[in-house]
């Protein structure tokens, strides 16, 4: 989308009026993954020990791989580690909400005991660990990313493990009275449907003041067997009986969910509608590089995304969209307005490489339409 359409313009103008002056803070909780990300880049051509050119695009990387395959030749890349950070749903959303003035709690695979990167960053917040984290080598390109992942203990994580490691009483203590509960990623947790069952049957009945919204990030479910995903959808839908479940997926994750429901060759909006119907939850959100769609029983909303030609960081942009979406739900904003805030948090992040403060979010929303001209 090169220019904002009427729906986007109206949503942004409404969001400017609806956003409060301050976020107000509050408690939120996120589970159940945990990653340590090694941020890397590939070297294209090296001039000296200190000077080199990087492989700047995923397309260029693909061309090199394709040329090697065509030549029936092996291929090697030099790569450089640019930094280490905590990653995954838990870390990215906790970091974003902490920056915006909230008090997040983390229940995830943080190490046994929690490894230094988690302690260094989140030691001031409540933390409960479920075991060893995963490790990801995240290679950054200007047009995408390549992520090589060792999942860790979450590949076996089920409700029994959560109960034995943390306990229902402690989990209830963390969740009760919070503004929102976030959970991800289904793609890295084959037993997430069992976790959803445990939350519904064993955790929620113990809460006196449960959060109204549970945000679920499915991740790339192409990694899981279709039959296993299909069997798990019933548990995700059943969870919606006790809490409003909001599923948020990127463009390709949305397409796969629509394909599971038997729909191919469709538009992003149509695929979002199909995913919503198939999952049978309160709300489905599909987010992409050009537009985001929200579907619930009241219909469909869409908001255009102002792109940038010079992103600083793209890895975890989807998690930051989810942080903005979650913030909008905590603030009680409208349907289209929540898409604007999701895009604003993600937009700030990809342009700056760090999550925004709440004031940064307000400023981005104020300038939202101008970013289309700057693309």
Protein backbone atom coordinates (compact mmCIF):
# COMPACT_ATOMS: atom_id res chain seq x y z
CA UNK A 1 0.00 0.00 0.00
CA UNK A 2 1.78 3.14 -1.27
CA UNK A 3 -0.68 5.67 0.08
CA UNK A 4 -3.02 5.42 3.07
CA UNK A 5 -6.56 4.59 2.01
CA UNK A 6 -9.65 6.11 3.61
CA UNK A 7 -10.02 3.33 6.18
CA UNK A 8 -6.42 3.75 7.31
CA UNK A 9 -6.73 7.52 7.54
CA UNK A 10 -9.90 7.27 9.61
CA UNK A 11 -8.38 4.62 11.90
CA UNK A 12 -5.28 6.74 12.54
CA UNK A 13 -7.28 9.89 13.23
CA UNK A 14 -9.53 7.97 15.62
CA UNK A 15 -6.50 6.42 17.34
CA UNK A 16 -4.93 9.85 17.88
CA UNK A 17 -8.03 10.91 19.78
CA UNK A 18 -8.43 7.65 21.69
CA UNK A 19 -4.90 7.14 23.01
CA UNK A 20 -4.67 8.33 26.63
CA UNK A 21 -1.89 10.67 27.68
CA UNK A 22 -0.28 7.90 29.75
CA UNK A 23 -0.55 4.14 29.58
CA UNK A 24 -1.21 3.82 33.29
CA UNK A 25 0.98 0.75 33.77
CA UNK A 26 -0.27 -2.44 35.35
CA UNK A 27 0.66 -6.10 35.44
CA UNK A 28 0.92 -8.43 32.45
CA UNK A 29 2.27 -11.97 32.17
CA UNK A 30 3.86 -13.86 29.29
CA UNK A 31 4.67 -17.56 28.74
CA UNK A 32 6.05 -20.03 27.94
CA UNK A 33 9.09 -19.93 25.64
CA UNK A 34 12.57 -18.49 26.03
CA UNK A 35 15.44 -17.91 23.61
CA UNK A 36 18.90 -16.50 23.53
CA UNK A 37 19.39 -14.89 20.11
CA UNK A 38 22.78 -14.49 18.49
CA UNK A 39 22.35 -11.68 15.97
CA UNK A 40 24.51 -12.29 12.90
CA UNK A 41 25.18 -11.11 9.37
CA UNK A 42 26.78 -12.82 6.37
CA UNK A 43 29.93 -11.44 4.79
CA UNK A 44 29.66 -10.88 1.04
CA UNK A 45 33.17 -9.62 0.35
CA UNK A 46 35.98 -8.87 2.75
CA UNK A 47 38.49 -6.10 2.08
CA UNK A 48 40.54 -6.46 5.28
CA UNK A 49 40.36 -7.73 8.83
CA UNK A 50 38.21 -4.75 9.73
CA UNK A 51 36.39 -3.93 6.48
CA UNK A 52 33.84 -6.03 4.64
CA UNK A 53 30.60 -5.87 2.69
CA UNK A 54 27.63 -7.79 4.00
CA UNK A 55 25.10 -9.89 2.12
CA UNK A 56 22.45 -7.21 2.36
CA UNK A 57 19.31 -8.94 1.09
CA UNK A 58 17.64 -12.30 1.48
CA UNK A 59 17.26 -12.31 -2.30
CA UNK A 60 21.04 -12.06 -2.74
CA UNK A 61 21.53 -14.91 -0.27
CA UNK A 62 18.98 -16.97 -2.20
CA UNK A 63 20.75 -16.28 -5.49
CA UNK A 64 24.04 -17.55 -4.08
CA UNK A 65 22.41 -20.70 -2.76
CA UNK A 66 20.64 -21.28 -6.08
CA UNK A 67 23.85 -20.75 -8.06
CA UNK A 68 25.64 -23.28 -5.86
CA UNK A 69 22.86 -25.83 -6.35
CA UNK A 70 22.95 -25.30 -10.11
CA UNK A 71 26.71 -25.80 -10.11
CA UNK A 72 26.39 -28.89 -7.88
CA UNK A 73 28.92 -27.24 -5.58
CA UNK A 74 29.19 -26.81 -1.84
CA UNK A 75 28.73 -23.33 -0.39
CA UNK A 76 30.22 -21.57 2.61
CA UNK A 77 29.55 -18.22 4.23
CA UNK A 78 31.53 -16.25 6.77
CA UNK A 79 29.23 -14.80 9.36
CA UNK A 80 29.77 -12.30 12.13
CA UNK A 81 28.03 -12.10 15.48
CA UNK A 82 26.76 -8.58 16.05
CA UNK A 83 25.30 -9.14 19.49
CA UNK A 84 23.43 -11.38 21.92
CA UNK A 85 19.93 -10.72 23.22
CA UNK A 86 17.05 -12.60 24.75
CA UNK A 87 14.34 -13.54 22.30
CA UNK A 88 11.05 -15.30 21.78
CA UNK A 89 7.51 -14.31 22.65
CA UNK A 90 8.15 -13.98 26.38
CA UNK A 91 11.26 -11.81 26.13
CA UNK A 92 10.15 -9.54 23.32
CA UNK A 93 6.75 -8.75 24.81
CA UNK A 94 8.06 -8.43 28.36
CA UNK A 95 10.78 -6.07 27.13
CA UNK A 96 8.28 -3.97 25.18
CA UNK A 97 5.80 -3.73 28.04
CA UNK A 98 8.55 -2.95 30.52
CA UNK A 99 9.70 -0.09 28.28
CA UNK A 100 6.12 1.22 28.15
CA UNK A 101 5.86 1.37 31.94
CA UNK A 102 4.17 -1.91 32.80
CA UNK A 103 5.22 -4.66 35.21
CA UNK A 104 5.61 -7.88 33.20
CA UNK A 105 6.04 -11.33 34.69
CA UNK A 106 7.91 -14.03 32.76
CA UNK A 107 7.10 -17.74 32.91
CA UNK A 108 9.34 -19.39 30.37
CA UNK A 109 12.31 -21.50 29.40
CA UNK A 110 14.96 -19.26 30.91
CA UNK A 111 17.56 -21.80 32.03
CA UNK A 112 18.06 -23.84 35.19
CA UNK A 113 18.94 -21.61 36.95
CA UNK A 114 17.97 -18.65 34.73
CA UNK A 115 20.85 -17.77 32.41
CA UNK A 116 22.63 -14.44 32.72
CA UNK A 117 21.04 -12.68 29.70
CA UNK A 118 17.59 -13.16 31.23
CA UNK A 119 18.68 -12.19 34.73
CA UNK A 120 20.57 -9.14 33.47
CA UNK A 121 17.58 -7.85 31.53
CA UNK A 122 14.58 -9.00 33.53
CA UNK A 123 15.93 -9.52 37.03
CA UNK A 124 13.73 -6.75 38.42
CA UNK A 125 10.55 -8.55 37.26
CA UNK A 126 8.96 -11.77 38.53
CA UNK A 127 10.47 -14.75 36.70
CA UNK A 128 9.69 -18.45 36.80
CA UNK A 129 11.75 -20.86 34.71
CA UNK A 130 10.61 -24.07 33.05
CA UNK A 131 14.03 -25.32 31.96
CA UNK A 132 16.64 -24.72 29.30
CA UNK A 133 16.10 -22.00 26.68
CA UNK A 134 16.35 -22.32 22.93
CA UNK A 135 19.10 -20.72 20.89
CA UNK A 136 18.61 -18.85 17.63
CA UNK A 137 21.12 -17.56 15.11
CA UNK A 138 19.23 -14.65 13.53
CA UNK A 139 20.76 -13.43 10.27
CA UNK A 140 19.52 -9.95 9.40
CA UNK A 141 18.84 -8.76 5.85
CA UNK A 142 17.22 -5.55 4.65
CA UNK A 143 14.30 -7.51 3.13
CA UNK A 144 13.85 -10.25 5.73
CA UNK A 145 15.71 -12.61 8.00
CA UNK A 146 17.01 -16.16 8.26
CA UNK A 147 16.59 -17.79 11.66
CA UNK A 148 18.36 -21.03 12.59
CA UNK A 149 16.89 -22.37 15.81
CA UNK A 150 17.61 -24.98 18.46
CA UNK A 151 14.32 -25.06 20.35
CA UNK A 152 15.32 -26.31 23.80
CA UNK A 153 13.04 -27.80 26.44
CA UNK A 154 9.87 -26.20 25.10
CA UNK A 155 9.69 -28.88 22.39
CA UNK A 156 8.54 -31.20 25.20
CA UNK A 157 6.73 -28.63 27.33
CA UNK A 158 3.24 -29.71 28.43
CA UNK A 159 0.87 -28.77 31.24
CA UNK A 160 2.26 -31.43 33.59
CA UNK A 161 5.73 -29.93 33.21
CA UNK A 162 4.47 -26.40 33.90
CA UNK A 163 2.60 -27.66 36.95
CA UNK A 164 5.61 -29.55 38.29
CA UNK A 165 8.11 -26.73 37.64
CA UNK A 166 6.03 -23.72 38.69
CA UNK A 167 2.80 -25.04 40.18
CA UNK A 168 -0.78 -23.91 39.62
CA UNK A 169 -0.79 -21.85 42.81
CA UNK A 170 2.26 -19.81 41.79
CA UNK A 171 0.98 -19.41 38.23
CA UNK A 172 -2.37 -18.23 39.59
CA UNK A 173 -0.55 -15.73 41.80
CA UNK A 174 1.17 -14.29 38.73
CA UNK A 175 -1.87 -14.28 36.43
CA UNK A 176 -4.65 -13.19 38.79
CA UNK A 177 -5.35 -9.46 38.53
CA UNK A 178 -3.23 -8.94 35.42
CA UNK A 179 -4.28 -6.85 32.44
CA UNK A 180 -3.39 -9.48 29.84
CA UNK A 181 -1.89 -12.96 29.43
CA UNK A 182 0.28 -13.63 26.36
CA UNK A 183 1.30 -17.08 25.14
CA UNK A 184 3.55 -18.29 22.32
CA UNK A 185 4.63 -19.94 20.15
CA UNK A 186 2.44 -22.89 19.26
CA UNK A 187 4.83 -23.83 16.43
CA UNK A 188 7.68 -24.37 18.93
CA UNK A 189 5.46 -26.08 21.52
CA UNK A 190 3.76 -29.15 20.04
CA UNK A 191 1.96 -29.66 23.35
CA UNK A 192 0.51 -26.14 23.50
CA UNK A 193 -3.04 -27.51 23.08
CA UNK A 194 -2.50 -29.50 26.29
CA UNK A 195 -1.25 -26.32 27.95
CA UNK A 196 -4.40 -24.53 26.73
CA UNK A 197 -6.48 -27.32 28.26
CA UNK A 198 -4.64 -27.02 31.58
CA UNK A 199 -5.12 -23.25 31.64
CA UNK A 200 -8.84 -23.66 31.01
CA UNK A 201 -9.51 -26.57 33.34
CA UNK A 202 -7.01 -26.11 36.17
CA UNK A 203 -5.78 -22.51 36.24
CA UNK A 204 -8.75 -20.35 35.31
CA UNK A 205 -11.17 -21.78 37.94
CA UNK A 206 -8.73 -20.70 40.67
CA UNK A 207 -8.62 -17.03 39.60
CA UNK A 208 -10.73 -14.40 41.33
CA UNK A 209 -9.81 -11.57 38.94
CA UNK A 210 -8.67 -13.13 35.64
CA UNK A 211 -7.46 -11.06 32.69
CA UNK A 212 -10.07 -10.45 30.02
CA UNK A 213 -7.75 -11.20 27.10
CA UNK A 214 -5.33 -13.99 26.22
CA UNK A 215 -3.07 -13.24 23.25
CA UNK A 216 -1.87 -16.32 21.37
CA UNK A 217 0.91 -16.21 18.78
CA UNK A 218 0.82 -19.47 16.78
CA UNK A 219 4.17 -18.95 15.06
CA UNK A 220 4.98 -20.83 11.88
CA UNK A 221 2.74 -23.88 12.18
CA UNK A 222 4.13 -25.31 8.94
CA UNK A 223 6.70 -26.91 11.27
CA UNK A 224 4.01 -29.14 12.79
CA UNK A 225 2.06 -32.00 11.22
CA UNK A 226 -1.28 -30.72 9.84
CA UNK A 227 -3.24 -33.43 11.66
CA UNK A 228 -1.63 -32.46 14.98
CA UNK A 229 -2.46 -28.79 14.43
CA UNK A 230 -6.02 -29.66 13.44
CA UNK A 231 -6.49 -31.71 16.62
CA UNK A 232 -5.16 -28.82 18.72
CA UNK A 233 -7.51 -26.21 17.30
CA UNK A 234 -10.38 -27.63 19.39
CA UNK A 235 -8.44 -26.91 22.60
CA UNK A 236 -7.63 -23.37 21.50
CA UNK A 237 -11.28 -22.79 20.68
CA UNK A 238 -12.38 -24.29 24.03
CA UNK A 239 -10.04 -21.89 25.84
CA UNK A 240 -12.09 -19.07 24.37
CA UNK A 241 -14.98 -20.26 26.54
CA UNK A 242 -13.26 -18.84 29.64
CA UNK A 243 -11.22 -15.91 28.26
CA UNK A 244 -11.29 -13.83 25.08
CA UNK A 245 -8.62 -15.43 22.90
CA UNK A 246 -6.96 -13.17 20.33
CA UNK A 247 -4.83 -15.05 17.80
CA UNK A 248 -2.28 -12.92 15.96
CA UNK A 249 -0.37 -14.32 12.96
CA UNK A 250 1.78 -12.92 10.20
CA UNK A 251 0.94 -13.12 6.49
CA UNK A 252 2.34 -16.58 5.85
CA UNK A 253 1.12 -18.04 9.12
CA UNK A 254 -2.35 -16.75 8.26
CA UNK A 255 -2.16 -18.36 4.83
CA UNK A 256 -1.27 -21.71 6.35
CA UNK A 257 -4.16 -21.56 8.80
CA UNK A 258 -6.49 -20.78 5.90
CA UNK A 259 -5.07 -23.70 3.94
CA UNK A 260 -5.75 -26.01 6.87
CA UNK A 261 -9.37 -24.93 6.55
CA UNK A 262 -9.30 -25.80 2.84
CA UNK A 263 -8.87 -22.32 1.35
CA UNK A 264 -6.17 -21.68 -1.27
CA UNK A 265 -5.39 -18.84 -3.66
CA UNK A 266 -7.06 -16.16 -1.54
CA UNK A 267 -6.38 -12.56 -0.57
CA UNK A 268 -4.94 -11.67 2.84
CA UNK A 269 -8.36 -10.47 3.97
CA UNK A 270 -10.06 -13.67 2.82
CA UNK A 271 -7.41 -15.80 4.50
CA UNK A 272 -7.84 -13.84 7.73
CA UNK A 273 -11.59 -14.41 7.61
CA UNK A 274 -11.08 -18.12 7.01
CA UNK A 275 -8.54 -18.43 9.85
CA UNK A 276 -10.98 -16.69 12.21
CA UNK A 277 -13.81 -19.03 11.28
CA UNK A 278 -11.58 -22.08 11.53
CA UNK A 279 -10.09 -21.25 14.92
CA UNK A 280 -13.44 -20.18 16.43
CA UNK A 281 -11.92 -17.65 18.83
CA UNK A 282 -12.96 -14.14 19.85
CA UNK A 283 -10.67 -12.35 17.42
CA UNK A 284 -8.12 -13.08 14.71
CA UNK A 285 -5.49 -10.61 13.54
CA UNK A 286 -3.35 -11.06 10.45
CA UNK A 287 -0.41 -8.67 10.12
CA UNK A 288 1.83 -8.13 7.11
CA UNK A 289 4.30 -5.66 5.64
CA UNK A 290 1.59 -3.76 3.72
CA UNK A 291 -1.57 -4.15 5.81
CA UNK A 292 -3.05 -5.69 8.93
CA UNK A 293 -6.52 -7.23 9.21
CA UNK A 294 -8.68 -7.81 12.28
CA UNK A 295 -11.63 -10.20 12.14
CA UNK A 296 -14.25 -10.83 14.81
CA UNK A 297 -18.01 -11.28 14.99
CA UNK A 298 -18.48 -7.60 14.10
CA UNK A 299 -16.71 -8.01 10.76
CA UNK A 300 -13.33 -7.02 9.32
CA UNK A 301 -11.12 -3.98 9.84
CA UNK A 302 -7.93 -3.22 7.95
CA UNK A 303 -5.16 -0.65 8.32
CA UNK A 304 -2.30 0.02 5.93
CA UNK A 305 1.32 -0.22 7.06
CA UNK A 306 3.81 2.57 6.29
CA UNK A 307 7.00 0.80 5.15
CA UNK A 308 10.60 1.94 5.41
CA UNK A 309 13.35 1.34 2.88
CA UNK A 310 16.02 1.35 5.61
CA UNK A 311 14.99 -0.88 8.51
CA UNK A 312 17.42 -1.05 11.41
CA UNK A 313 16.12 -4.40 12.66
CA UNK A 314 13.44 -6.73 11.29
CA UNK A 315 13.84 -9.79 13.53
CA UNK A 316 10.94 -9.84 16.02
CA UNK A 317 8.97 -7.12 14.22
CA UNK A 318 5.96 -9.43 14.47
CA UNK A 319 6.42 -9.76 18.22
CA UNK A 320 6.46 -5.98 18.49
CA UNK A 321 3.28 -5.76 16.44
CA UNK A 322 1.79 -8.15 19.00
CA UNK A 323 3.06 -5.96 21.83
CA UNK A 324 1.24 -2.98 20.30
CA UNK A 325 -1.88 -5.07 19.72
CA UNK A 326 -1.78 -6.23 23.33
CA UNK A 327 -1.26 -2.66 24.54
CA UNK A 328 -4.33 -1.54 22.61
CA UNK A 329 -6.41 -4.27 24.24
CA UNK A 330 -5.15 -3.27 27.68
CA UNK A 331 -6.07 0.34 26.94
CA UNK A 332 -9.53 -0.68 25.69
CA UNK A 333 -9.08 0.80 22.21
CA UNK A 334 -11.32 0.07 19.26
CA UNK A 335 -10.79 -2.60 16.62
CA UNK A 336 -9.13 -0.54 13.88
CA UNK A 337 -7.30 1.56 16.47
CA UNK A 338 -5.65 -1.59 17.85
CA UNK A 339 -4.19 -2.28 14.40
CA UNK A 340 -2.78 1.24 14.27
CA UNK A 341 -1.06 0.77 17.65
CA UNK A 342 0.27 -2.64 16.61
CA UNK A 343 1.74 -1.14 13.45
CA UNK A 344 3.09 1.84 15.40
CA UNK A 345 5.03 -0.28 17.89
CA UNK A 346 6.39 -2.51 15.11
CA UNK A 347 7.10 0.53 12.91
CA UNK A 348 9.07 2.27 15.62
CA UNK A 349 11.01 -0.91 16.35
CA UNK A 350 12.10 -1.65 12.78
CA UNK A 351 13.21 1.98 12.34
CA UNK A 352 15.13 2.22 15.62
CA UNK A 353 16.05 -1.32 16.67
CA UNK A 354 14.61 -0.86 20.16
CA UNK A 355 11.07 -1.02 21.56
CA UNK A 356 9.31 2.32 22.03
CA UNK A 357 8.32 4.07 25.19
CA UNK A 358 4.63 4.87 25.44
CA UNK A 359 5.40 8.45 24.44
CA UNK A 360 7.21 7.13 21.36
CA UNK A 361 4.06 5.18 20.47
CA UNK A 362 1.93 8.31 20.73
CA UNK A 363 4.39 10.25 18.58
CA UNK A 364 4.47 7.52 15.93
CA UNK A 365 0.68 7.46 15.76
CA UNK A 366 0.68 11.24 15.42
CA UNK A 367 3.07 11.00 12.46
CA UNK A 368 1.67 7.70 11.11
CA UNK A 369 0.24 9.06 7.85
CA UNK A 370 3.40 11.07 7.12
CA UNK A 371 5.46 7.88 7.09
CA UNK A 372 3.75 6.83 3.86
CA UNK A 373 5.30 9.86 2.14
CA UNK A 374 8.71 8.98 3.55
CA UNK A 375 8.67 5.37 2.29
